[in-house]
Amino acid sequence: MSEQSTDLRETVRQRYAAAAVQVTEGGGACCGPEPVEVDEHFGSTLYAADERDTLPAEAVAASLGCGNPTAVAELREGERVLDLGSGGGIDVLLSARRVGPTGKAYGLDMTEEMLALALANTAKAGATNVEFLKGTIEAIPLPANTIDVVISNCVINLSVDKSAVFTETFRVLKPGGRIGVSDVVADDALTAEQRGERGDYVGCIAGALSFAEYRAGLAAAGFTGIEIVPTHQVADGMYSAIVRAVKPAVGPDTGATPATDDSCCGVTACCTPSEQPTDPSVTVSEAKSANGCACQN
């Protein structure tokens, strides 16, 4: 990683660490923590009141996103969800409710302060199907082909290596898996310098991709069914957008052996002497653990 990229990542980390500390230190107020101050196009007001009311006040106050990815991802019972840049945990906790006790919601964040806040919010919410991971969205610490849905809320635009984010997202998704992301996207006509100026204004430090660049990046990683739909303008020529795409169910780029009729829990011939992982890059026990298989022997 270049020195400039390292500096950008550290700037992002410091900003989100400060936001977490602000929420944590405000937790003792009589009426709960004060929301982190952001542009009016960002934050917890982008969630429905009934969603906010079900969560700890600290999770709501720490929201810095530009949309509501848990709604656009159309989460279903039993799915395994990964939130890139999970912050204080608002989208992870909402996802955990949507996928239910048979599903699981993972949150990935690089900021210790945000992870601590997210764990505290999880305990307050009483969520048991939640796990937070420390790491970067350019190197996701999960096995390949283990996640049904990847969500993110105005975080990918902050990445110093967006192509790595797309590649890693594709890798961890199961064949047929999908993304449902809220992100900041720029008009194709804006130069990189113009995007940088506007990005500084709305806090998107590393700069947003254009619509064409975003689409090309997803396609290069192997995604199909790409949709990028702007929802509202956050600066001149820059928009909050809903991004959807799918990892093909079969094909040479899925990185997995197509499942046969006797497959379950990420292995074939489950719980027999002949069982083998459908993904050759992991062991049988890793495949079963990642898929929540009840048969572990």
C-alpha atoms as a PDB file:
ATOM      1  CA  MET A   1       0.000   0.000   0.000  1.00  0.00           C
ATOM      2  CA  SER A   2       1.311   3.447  -0.891  1.00  0.00           C
ATOM      3  CA  GLU A   3       2.088   6.052   1.767  1.00  0.00           C
ATOM      4  CA  GLN A   4      -0.800   8.189   0.497  1.00  0.00           C
ATOM      5  CA  SER A   5      -3.240   5.269   0.787  1.00  0.00           C
ATOM      6  CA  THR A   6      -2.007   4.521   4.292  1.00  0.00           C
ATOM      7  CA  ASP A   7      -2.554   8.158   5.271  1.00  0.00           C
ATOM      8  CA  LEU A   8      -6.083   8.142   3.812  1.00  0.00           C
ATOM      9  CA  ARG A   9      -6.996   4.972   5.680  1.00  0.00           C
ATOM     10  CA  GLU A  10      -5.655   6.416   8.934  1.00  0.00           C
ATOM     11  CA  THR A  11      -7.652   9.613   8.393  1.00  0.00           C
ATOM     12  CA  VAL A  12     -10.809   7.550   7.938  1.00  0.00           C
ATOM     13  CA  ARG A  13     -10.000   5.461  11.017  1.00  0.00           C
ATOM     14  CA  GLN A  14      -9.449   8.549  13.166  1.00  0.00           C
ATOM     15  CA  ARG A  15     -12.703  10.121  12.020  1.00  0.00           C
ATOM     16  CA  TYR A  16     -14.760   7.052  12.908  1.00  0.00           C
ATOM     17  CA  ALA A  17     -12.903   6.467  16.159  1.00  0.00           C
ATOM     18  CA  ALA A  18     -13.750  10.030  17.185  1.00  0.00           C
ATOM     19  CA  ALA A  19     -17.404   9.448  16.279  1.00  0.00           C
ATOM     20  CA  ALA A  20     -17.523   6.312  18.434  1.00  0.00           C
ATOM     21  CA  VAL A  21     -15.937   8.130  21.384  1.00  0.00           C
ATOM     22  CA  GLN A  22     -18.419  10.992  20.997  1.00  0.00           C
ATOM     23  CA  VAL A  23     -21.352   8.594  21.238  1.00  0.00           C
ATOM     24  CA  THR A  24     -19.844   6.626  24.119  1.00  0.00           C
ATOM     25  CA  GLU A  25     -19.057   9.703  26.184  1.00  0.00           C
ATOM     26  CA  GLY A  26     -22.560  11.050  25.603  1.00  0.00           C
ATOM     27  CA  GLY A  27     -24.147   7.851  26.874  1.00  0.00           C
ATOM     28  CA  GLY A  28     -24.655   9.206  30.361  1.00  0.00           C
ATOM     29  CA  ALA A  29     -26.960  12.032  29.354  1.00  0.00           C
ATOM     30  CA  CYS A  30     -30.488  11.906  30.723  1.00  0.00           C
ATOM     31  CA  CYS A  31     -32.041  11.550  27.304  1.00  0.00           C
ATOM     32  CA  GLY A  32     -29.418   9.294  25.733  1.00  0.00           C
ATOM     33  CA  PRO A  33     -26.431  10.064  23.519  1.00  0.00           C
ATOM     34  CA  GLU A  34     -26.458  12.912  21.055  1.00  0.00           C
ATOM     35  CA  PRO A  35     -26.258  11.817  17.398  1.00  0.00           C
ATOM     36  CA  VAL A  36     -22.928  12.392  15.683  1.00  0.00           C
ATOM     37  CA  GLU A  37     -23.184  15.632  13.715  1.00  0.00           C
ATOM     38  CA  VAL A  38     -23.120  14.955   9.972  1.00  0.00           C
ATOM     39  CA  ASP A  39     -24.539  16.464   6.813  1.00  0.00           C
ATOM     40  CA  GLU A  40     -28.359  16.308   6.687  1.00  0.00           C
ATOM     41  CA  HIS A  41     -28.144  13.702   3.920  1.00  0.00           C
ATOM     42  CA  PHE A  42     -26.419  11.236   6.266  1.00  0.00           C
ATOM     43  CA  GLY A  43     -27.257   9.536   9.544  1.00  0.00           C
ATOM     44  CA  SER A  44     -30.051   7.808  11.420  1.00  0.00           C
ATOM     45  CA  THR A  45     -32.877   9.902   9.937  1.00  0.00           C
ATOM     46  CA  LEU A  46     -32.595   7.744   6.794  1.00  0.00           C
ATOM     47  CA  TYR A  47     -34.106   4.861   8.791  1.00  0.00           C
ATOM     48  CA  ALA A  48     -37.796   4.500   9.574  1.00  0.00           C
ATOM     49  CA  ALA A  49     -38.806   5.528  13.078  1.00  0.00           C
ATOM     50  CA  ASP A  50     -40.038   2.027  13.921  1.00  0.00           C
ATOM     51  CA  GLU A  51     -36.601   0.624  13.009  1.00  0.00           C
ATOM     52  CA  ARG A  52     -34.753   3.196  15.132  1.00  0.00           C
ATOM     53  CA  ASP A  53     -37.040   2.554  18.086  1.00  0.00           C
ATOM     54  CA  THR A  54     -36.089  -1.148  18.228  1.00  0.00           C
ATOM     55  CA  LEU A  55     -32.364  -0.457  18.689  1.00  0.00           C
ATOM     56  CA  PRO A  56     -30.108   0.868  21.467  1.00  0.00           C
ATOM     57  CA  ALA A  57     -29.855   4.653  21.335  1.00  0.00           C
ATOM     58  CA  GLU A  58     -26.074   4.428  20.946  1.00  0.00           C
ATOM     59  CA  ALA A  59     -26.385   2.370  17.748  1.00  0.00           C
ATOM     60  CA  VAL A  60     -28.734   4.944  16.259  1.00  0.00           C
ATOM     61  CA  ALA A  61     -26.610   7.898  17.363  1.00  0.00           C
ATOM     62  CA  ALA A  62     -23.478   6.433  15.737  1.00  0.00           C
ATOM     63  CA  SER A  63     -25.089   6.033  12.316  1.00  0.00           C
ATOM     64  CA  LEU A  64     -23.060   7.826   9.636  1.00  0.00           C
ATOM     65  CA  GLY A  65     -24.468   6.169   6.513  1.00  0.00           C
ATOM     66  CA  CYS A  66     -26.148   7.573   3.428  1.00  0.00           C
ATOM     67  CA  GLY A  67     -29.007   5.082   3.160  1.00  0.00           C
ATOM     68  CA  ASN A  68     -30.627   1.956   4.606  1.00  0.00           C
ATOM     69  CA  PRO A  69     -29.009  -1.119   3.039  1.00  0.00           C
ATOM     70  CA  THR A  70     -30.964  -3.577   5.181  1.00  0.00           C
ATOM     71  CA  ALA A  71     -34.092  -2.496   3.329  1.00  0.00           C
ATOM     72  CA  VAL A  72     -32.658  -2.558  -0.196  1.00  0.00           C
ATOM     73  CA  ALA A  73     -30.984  -5.970   0.293  1.00  0.00           C
ATOM     74  CA  GLU A  74     -34.366  -7.679   0.871  1.00  0.00           C
ATOM     75  CA  LEU A  75     -32.987  -9.944   3.590  1.00  0.00           C
ATOM     76  CA  ARG A  76     -34.686 -13.270   4.196  1.00  0.00           C
ATOM     77  CA  GLU A  77     -35.039 -15.670   7.123  1.00  0.00           C
ATOM     78  CA  GLY A  78     -32.005 -17.903   7.605  1.00  0.00           C
ATOM     79  CA  GLU A  79     -29.558 -15.893   5.486  1.00  0.00           C
ATOM     80  CA  ARG A  80     -25.973 -15.086   6.436  1.00  0.00           C
ATOM     81  CA  VAL A  81     -25.273 -11.363   6.039  1.00  0.00           C
ATOM     82  CA  LEU A  82     -22.025  -9.392   6.118  1.00  0.00           C
ATOM     83  CA  ASP A  83     -21.943  -5.628   6.711  1.00  0.00           C
ATOM     84  CA  LEU A  84     -18.785  -3.945   5.401  1.00  0.00           C
ATOM     85  CA  GLY A  85     -17.753  -1.090   7.693  1.00  0.00           C
ATOM     86  CA  SER A  86     -20.298  -1.902  10.386  1.00  0.00           C
ATOM     87  CA  GLY A  87     -19.552   1.034  12.702  1.00  0.00           C
ATOM     88  CA  GLY A  88     -21.758   1.124  15.792  1.00  0.00           C
ATOM     89  CA  GLY A  89     -23.749  -1.861  14.547  1.00  0.00           C
ATOM     90  CA  ILE A  90     -27.047  -0.345  13.414  1.00  0.00           C
ATOM     91  CA  ASP A  91     -27.216  -2.300  10.135  1.00  0.00           C
ATOM     92  CA  VAL A  92     -25.920  -5.512  11.707  1.00  0.00           C
ATOM     93  CA  LEU A  93     -28.576  -5.423  14.424  1.00  0.00           C
ATOM     94  CA  LEU A  94     -31.330  -4.651  11.922  1.00  0.00           C
ATOM     95  CA  SER A  95     -30.056  -7.468   9.694  1.00  0.00           C
ATOM     96  CA  ALA A  96     -30.011  -9.896  12.624  1.00  0.00           C
ATOM     97  CA  ARG A  97     -33.690  -9.203  13.218  1.00  0.00           C
ATOM     98  CA  ARG A  98     -34.541  -9.746   9.550  1.00  0.00           C
ATOM     99  CA  VAL A  99     -32.669 -13.052   9.124  1.00  0.00           C
ATOM    100  CA  GLY A 100     -33.933 -14.410  12.429  1.00  0.00           C
ATOM    101  CA  PRO A 101     -32.435 -17.025  14.765  1.00  0.00           C
ATOM    102  CA  THR A 102     -31.592 -19.416  11.924  1.00  0.00           C
ATOM    103  CA  GLY A 103     -29.558 -16.719  10.148  1.00  0.00           C
ATOM    104  CA  LYS A 104     -26.496 -14.751  11.161  1.00  0.00           C
ATOM    105  CA  ALA A 105     -25.252 -11.173  10.762  1.00  0.00           C
ATOM    106  CA  TYR A 106     -21.543 -10.355  10.634  1.00  0.00           C
ATOM    107  CA  GLY A 107     -20.090  -6.876  11.036  1.00  0.00           C
ATOM    108  CA  LEU A 108     -16.611  -5.982   9.783  1.00  0.00           C
ATOM    109  CA  ASP A 109     -14.809  -2.839  10.938  1.00  0.00           C
ATOM    110  CA  MET A 110     -11.195  -1.694  11.299  1.00  0.00           C
ATOM    111  CA  THR A 111     -11.805   0.751  14.158  1.00  0.00           C
ATOM    112  CA  GLU A 112     -11.367  -0.557  17.716  1.00  0.00           C
ATOM    113  CA  GLU A 113     -13.591   2.151  19.179  1.00  0.00           C
ATOM    114  CA  MET A 114     -16.458   1.347  16.802  1.00  0.00           C
ATOM    115  CA  LEU A 115     -16.110  -2.390  17.430  1.00  0.00           C
ATOM    116  CA  ALA A 116     -16.297  -1.806  21.185  1.00  0.00           C
ATOM    117  CA  LEU A 117     -19.399   0.339  20.717  1.00  0.00           C
ATOM    118  CA  ALA A 118     -20.972  -2.276  18.441  1.00  0.00           C
ATOM    119  CA  LEU A 119     -20.368  -5.061  20.973  1.00  0.00           C
ATOM    120  CA  ALA A 120     -21.926  -2.961  23.721  1.00  0.00           C
ATOM    121  CA  ASN A 121     -24.943  -2.238  21.509  1.00  0.00           C
ATOM    122  CA  THR A 122     -25.291  -5.944  20.703  1.00  0.00           C
ATOM    123  CA  ALA A 123     -25.391  -6.784  24.391  1.00  0.00           C
ATOM    124  CA  LYS A 124     -28.031  -4.112  25.031  1.00  0.00           C
ATOM    125  CA  ALA A 125     -30.120  -5.401  22.106  1.00  0.00           C
ATOM    126  CA  GLY A 126     -29.826  -8.992  23.337  1.00  0.00           C
ATOM    127  CA  ALA A 127     -28.869 -10.184  19.851  1.00  0.00           C
ATOM    128  CA  THR A 128     -27.380 -13.697  19.766  1.00  0.00           C
ATOM    129  CA  ASN A 129     -27.008 -14.241  16.002  1.00  0.00           C
ATOM    130  CA  VAL A 130     -24.389 -11.497  15.595  1.00  0.00           C
ATOM    131  CA  GLU A 131     -20.594 -11.541  15.268  1.00  0.00           C
ATOM    132  CA  PHE A 132     -18.204  -8.620  14.800  1.00  0.00           C
ATOM    133  CA  LEU A 133     -14.840  -9.003  13.079  1.00  0.00           C
ATOM    134  CA  LYS A 134     -11.852  -6.683  13.057  1.00  0.00           C
ATOM    135  CA  GLY A 135     -10.305  -6.089   9.668  1.00  0.00           C
ATOM    136  CA  THR A 136     -10.430  -4.079   6.479  1.00  0.00           C
ATOM    137  CA  ILE A 137     -12.988  -4.365   3.705  1.00  0.00           C
ATOM    138  CA  GLU A 138     -10.131  -4.894   1.239  1.00  0.00           C
ATOM    139  CA  ALA A 139      -9.166  -8.178   2.984  1.00  0.00           C
ATOM    140  CA  ILE A 140     -12.299  -9.749   4.477  1.00  0.00           C
ATOM    141  CA  PRO A 141     -11.446 -12.298   7.226  1.00  0.00           C
ATOM    142  CA  LEU A 142     -14.027 -14.900   6.171  1.00  0.00           C
ATOM    143  CA  PRO A 143     -13.803 -18.070   4.031  1.00  0.00           C
ATOM    144  CA  ALA A 144     -14.862 -18.063   0.380  1.00  0.00           C
ATOM    145  CA  ASN A 145     -18.461 -18.848  -0.603  1.00  0.00           C
ATOM    146  CA  THR A 146     -19.943 -18.515   2.894  1.00  0.00           C
ATOM    147  CA  ILE A 147     -22.139 -15.377   2.783  1.00  0.00           C
ATOM    148  CA  ASP A 148     -25.592 -14.963   1.216  1.00  0.00           C
ATOM    149  CA  VAL A 149     -25.746 -11.169   1.221  1.00  0.00           C
ATOM    150  CA  VAL A 150     -23.178  -8.380   1.569  1.00  0.00           C
ATOM    151  CA  ILE A 151     -24.411  -4.955   2.637  1.00  0.00           C
ATOM    152  CA  SER A 152     -22.613  -1.675   3.282  1.00  0.00           C
ATOM    153  CA  ASN A 153     -23.687   1.840   4.157  1.00  0.00           C
ATOM    154  CA  CYS A 154     -21.617   4.635   2.625  1.00  0.00           C
ATOM    155  CA  VAL A 155     -18.298   2.903   3.329  1.00  0.00           C
ATOM    156  CA  ILE A 156     -17.009   1.530   0.021  1.00  0.00           C
ATOM    157  CA  ASN A 157     -16.531   5.107  -1.230  1.00  0.00           C
ATOM    158  CA  LEU A 158     -14.041   5.564   1.629  1.00  0.00           C
ATOM    159  CA  SER A 159     -11.872   2.620   0.556  1.00  0.00           C
ATOM    160  CA  VAL A 160      -8.333   3.191  -0.674  1.00  0.00           C
ATOM    161  CA  ASP A 161      -8.627   0.161  -3.013  1.00  0.00           C
ATOM    162  CA  LYS A 162     -12.156  -0.288  -4.281  1.00  0.00           C
ATOM    163  CA  SER A 163     -11.262  -3.008  -6.794  1.00  0.00           C
ATOM    164  CA  ALA A 164      -9.987  -5.118  -3.874  1.00  0.00           C
ATOM    165  CA  VAL A 165     -13.292  -4.537  -2.055  1.00  0.00           C
ATOM    166  CA  PHE A 166     -15.262  -5.783  -5.070  1.00  0.00           C
ATOM    167  CA  THR A 167     -12.982  -8.806  -5.502  1.00  0.00           C
ATOM    168  CA  GLU A 168     -13.166  -9.739  -1.822  1.00  0.00           C
ATOM    169  CA  THR A 169     -16.938  -9.266  -1.736  1.00  0.00           C
ATOM    170  CA  PHE A 170     -17.286 -11.592  -4.721  1.00  0.00           C
ATOM    171  CA  ARG A 171     -15.011 -14.156  -3.054  1.00  0.00           C
ATOM    172  CA  VAL A 172     -16.936 -14.444   0.228  1.00  0.00           C
ATOM    173  CA  LEU A 173     -20.372 -14.575  -1.405  1.00  0.00           C
ATOM    174  CA  LYS A 174     -21.896 -17.958  -2.124  1.00  0.00           C
ATOM    175  CA  PRO A 175     -22.711 -18.663  -5.785  1.00  0.00           C
ATOM    176  CA  GLY A 176     -26.050 -16.926  -6.309  1.00  0.00           C
ATOM    177  CA  GLY A 177     -25.309 -14.497  -3.464  1.00  0.00           C
ATOM    178  CA  ARG A 178     -25.976 -10.782  -3.809  1.00  0.00           C
ATOM    179  CA  ILE A 179     -24.999  -7.324  -2.651  1.00  0.00           C
ATOM    180  CA  GLY A 180     -27.336  -4.572  -1.479  1.00  0.00           C
ATOM    181  CA  VAL A 181     -25.265  -1.475  -0.835  1.00  0.00           C
ATOM    182  CA  SER A 182     -25.891   2.198  -0.143  1.00  0.00           C
ATOM    183  CA  ASP A 183     -22.961   4.304  -1.335  1.00  0.00           C
ATOM    184  CA  VAL A 184     -21.963   7.703  -2.685  1.00  0.00           C
ATOM    185  CA  VAL A 185     -21.562   7.750  -6.486  1.00  0.00           C
ATOM    186  CA  ALA A 186     -20.521  10.641  -8.740  1.00  0.00           C
ATOM    187  CA  ASP A 187     -21.698  11.864 -12.130  1.00  0.00           C
ATOM    188  CA  ASP A 188     -19.548  10.477 -14.925  1.00  0.00           C
ATOM    189  CA  ALA A 189     -18.785  14.021 -16.086  1.00  0.00           C
ATOM    190  CA  LEU A 190     -17.019  15.008 -12.839  1.00  0.00           C
ATOM    191  CA  THR A 191     -13.224  14.859 -12.826  1.00  0.00           C
ATOM    192  CA  ALA A 192     -11.343  13.161 -10.013  1.00  0.00           C
ATOM    193  CA  GLU A 193     -10.358  16.594  -8.680  1.00  0.00           C
ATOM    194  CA  GLN A 194     -13.973  17.806  -8.689  1.00  0.00           C
ATOM    195  CA  ARG A 195     -15.088  14.649  -6.898  1.00  0.00           C
ATOM    196  CA  GLY A 196     -12.358  15.142  -4.321  1.00  0.00           C
ATOM    197  CA  GLU A 197     -13.506  18.687  -3.571  1.00  0.00           C
ATOM    198  CA  ARG A 198     -17.121  17.591  -3.151  1.00  0.00           C
ATOM    199  CA  GLY A 199     -16.071  14.491  -1.258  1.00  0.00           C
ATOM    200  CA  ASP A 200     -14.252  16.530   1.344  1.00  0.00           C
ATOM    201  CA  TYR A 201     -17.427  18.561   1.804  1.00  0.00           C
ATOM    202  CA  VAL A 202     -19.592  15.526   2.639  1.00  0.00           C
ATOM    203  CA  GLY A 203     -16.879  13.639   4.514  1.00  0.00           C
ATOM    204  CA  CYS A 204     -16.181  10.984   1.859  1.00  0.00           C
ATOM    205  CA  ILE A 205     -12.463  11.322   2.310  1.00  0.00           C
ATOM    206  CA  ALA A 206     -11.084   8.846  -0.218  1.00  0.00           C
ATOM    207  CA  GLY A 207     -13.410   9.935  -3.031  1.00  0.00           C
ATOM    208  CA  ALA A 208     -16.396   8.320  -4.730  1.00  0.00           C
ATOM    209  CA  LEU A 209     -16.417   6.356  -7.984  1.00  0.00           C
ATOM    210  CA  SER A 210     -18.458   7.553 -10.933  1.00  0.00           C
ATOM    211  CA  PHE A 211     -21.486   5.543 -12.044  1.00  0.00           C
ATOM    212  CA  ALA A 212     -19.523   4.073 -14.963  1.00  0.00           C
ATOM    213  CA  GLU A 213     -16.493   3.261 -12.795  1.00  0.00           C
ATOM    214  CA  TYR A 214     -18.625   1.585 -10.153  1.00  0.00           C
ATOM    215  CA  ARG A 215     -20.381  -0.564 -12.729  1.00  0.00           C
ATOM    216  CA  ALA A 216     -17.086  -1.473 -14.416  1.00  0.00           C
ATOM    217  CA  GLY A 217     -15.481  -2.377 -11.089  1.00  0.00           C
ATOM    218  CA  LEU A 218     -18.297  -4.739 -10.139  1.00  0.00           C
ATOM    219  CA  ALA A 219     -18.297  -6.332 -13.590  1.00  0.00           C
ATOM    220  CA  ALA A 220     -14.524  -6.833 -13.491  1.00  0.00           C
ATOM    221  CA  ALA A 221     -14.898  -8.693 -10.183  1.00  0.00           C
ATOM    222  CA  GLY A 222     -17.417 -11.051 -11.814  1.00  0.00           C
ATOM    223  CA  PHE A 223     -20.769  -9.607 -10.753  1.00  0.00           C
ATOM    224  CA  THR A 224     -23.829  -9.635 -12.989  1.00  0.00           C
ATOM    225  CA  GLY A 225     -27.279  -8.024 -12.778  1.00  0.00           C
ATOM    226  CA  ILE A 226     -25.671  -4.732 -11.759  1.00  0.00           C
ATOM    227  CA  GLU A 227     -28.069  -1.914 -10.833  1.00  0.00           C
ATOM    228  CA  ILE A 228     -27.018   1.517  -9.575  1.00  0.00           C
ATOM    229  CA  VAL A 229     -29.969   3.765  -8.758  1.00  0.00           C
ATOM    230  CA  PRO A 230     -29.466   7.259  -7.259  1.00  0.00           C
ATOM    231  CA  THR A 231     -31.816   8.112  -4.399  1.00  0.00           C
ATOM    232  CA  HIS A 232     -30.890  11.657  -3.370  1.00  0.00           C
ATOM    233  CA  GLN A 233     -28.200  14.241  -4.058  1.00  0.00           C
ATOM    234  CA  VAL A 234     -25.593  14.741  -1.334  1.00  0.00           C
ATOM    235  CA  ALA A 235     -23.500  17.356  -3.170  1.00  0.00           C
ATOM    236  CA  ASP A 236     -23.386  18.898  -6.636  1.00  0.00           C
ATOM    237  CA  GLY A 237     -23.120  15.942  -9.022  1.00  0.00           C
ATOM    238  CA  MET A 238     -22.803  13.371  -6.224  1.00  0.00           C
ATOM    239  CA  TYR A 239     -25.559  11.083  -5.034  1.00  0.00           C
ATOM    240  CA  SER A 240     -26.474   8.501  -2.484  1.00  0.00           C
ATOM    241  CA  ALA A 241     -27.263   5.436  -4.563  1.00  0.00           C
ATOM    242  CA  ILE A 242     -28.616   1.929  -4.127  1.00  0.00           C
ATOM    243  CA  VAL A 243     -26.228  -0.623  -5.633  1.00  0.00           C
ATOM    244  CA  ARG A 244     -27.344  -4.193  -6.342  1.00  0.00           C
ATOM    245  CA  ALA A 245     -25.481  -7.026  -8.057  1.00  0.00           C
ATOM    246  CA  VAL A 246     -25.351 -10.835  -8.056  1.00  0.00           C
ATOM    247  CA  LYS A 247     -22.598 -13.450  -8.007  1.00  0.00           C
ATOM    248  CA  PRO A 248     -23.530 -15.953 -10.741  1.00  0.00           C
ATOM    249  CA  ALA A 249     -24.915 -19.219  -9.395  1.00  0.00           C
ATOM    250  CA  VAL A 250     -22.727 -21.320 -11.693  1.00  0.00           C
ATOM    251  CA  GLY A 251     -19.801 -20.704 -13.984  1.00  0.00           C
ATOM    252  CA  PRO A 252     -16.007 -20.693 -14.139  1.00  0.00           C
ATOM    253  CA  ASP A 253     -15.600 -17.564 -11.986  1.00  0.00           C
ATOM    254  CA  THR A 254     -17.681 -18.553  -8.953  1.00  0.00           C
ATOM    255  CA  GLY A 255     -14.762 -20.273  -7.231  1.00  0.00           C
ATOM    256  CA  ALA A 256     -16.938 -23.170  -6.101  1.00  0.00           C
ATOM    257  CA  THR A 257     -17.886 -26.601  -7.316  1.00  0.00           C
ATOM    258  CA  PRO A 258     -21.599 -26.657  -8.235  1.00  0.00           C
ATOM    259  CA  ALA A 259     -23.541 -28.442  -5.503  1.00  0.00           C
ATOM    260  CA  THR A 260     -24.879 -31.919  -6.194  1.00  0.00           C
ATOM    261  CA  ASP A 261     -28.107 -33.402  -4.891  1.00  0.00           C
ATOM    262  CA  ASP A 262     -26.360 -34.848  -1.830  1.00  0.00           C
ATOM    263  CA  SER A 263     -24.814 -31.562  -0.704  1.00  0.00           C
ATOM    264  CA  CYS A 264     -25.587 -29.678   2.474  1.00  0.00           C
ATOM    265  CA  CYS A 265     -23.824 -27.308   4.860  1.00  0.00           C
ATOM    266  CA  GLY A 266     -21.055 -26.620   2.334  1.00  0.00           C
ATOM    267  CA  VAL A 267     -20.101 -30.301   1.955  1.00  0.00           C
ATOM    268  CA  THR A 268     -21.160 -33.230  -0.214  1.00  0.00           C
ATOM    269  CA  ALA A 269     -22.240 -36.579   1.253  1.00  0.00           C
ATOM    270  CA  CYS A 270     -22.868 -34.783   4.547  1.00  0.00           C
ATOM    271  CA  CYS A 271     -22.126 -36.770   7.722  1.00  0.00           C
ATOM    272  CA  THR A 272     -20.879 -39.836   5.817  1.00  0.00           C
ATOM    273  CA  PRO A 273     -17.329 -41.201   5.409  1.00  0.00           C
ATOM    274  CA  SER A 274     -17.292 -39.756   1.860  1.00  0.00           C
ATOM    275  CA  GLU A 275     -18.049 -36.136   2.749  1.00  0.00           C
ATOM    276  CA  GLN A 276     -15.961 -33.453   1.019  1.00  0.00           C
ATOM    277  CA  PRO A 277     -16.126 -29.616   1.105  1.00  0.00           C
ATOM    278  CA  THR A 278     -17.791 -28.070  -1.945  1.00  0.00           C
ATOM    279  CA  ASP A 279     -15.144 -25.340  -1.721  1.00  0.00           C
ATOM    280  CA  PRO A 280     -11.739 -27.040  -1.980  1.00  0.00           C
ATOM    281  CA  SER A 281     -10.007 -24.084  -0.299  1.00  0.00           C
ATOM    282  CA  VAL A 282     -11.528 -24.932   3.114  1.00  0.00           C
ATOM    283  CA  THR A 283     -11.710 -28.053   5.283  1.00  0.00           C
ATOM    284  CA  VAL A 284     -14.883 -30.023   5.986  1.00  0.00           C
ATOM    285  CA  SER A 285     -15.068 -28.667   9.530  1.00  0.00           C
ATOM    286  CA  GLU A 286     -14.548 -25.075   8.311  1.00  0.00           C
ATOM    287  CA  ALA A 287     -17.292 -25.504   5.704  1.00  0.00           C
ATOM    288  CA  LYS A 288     -19.727 -26.883   8.271  1.00  0.00           C
ATOM    289  CA  SER A 289     -18.900 -24.209  10.820  1.00  0.00           C
ATOM    290  CA  ALA A 290     -19.268 -21.386   8.277  1.00  0.00           C
ATOM    291  CA  ASN A 291     -22.664 -22.684   7.174  1.00  0.00           C
ATOM    292  CA  GLY A 292     -23.991 -23.296  10.685  1.00  0.00           C
ATOM    293  CA  CYS A 293     -24.403 -27.023  10.062  1.00  0.00           C
ATOM    294  CA  ALA A 294     -26.030 -28.923  12.914  1.00  0.00           C
ATOM    295  CA  CYS A 295     -24.202 -32.108  11.882  1.00  0.00           C
ATOM    296  CA  GLN A 296     -20.589 -31.432  12.904  1.00  0.00           C
ATOM    297  CA  ASN A 297     -19.310 -35.048  13.011  1.00  0.00           C
END
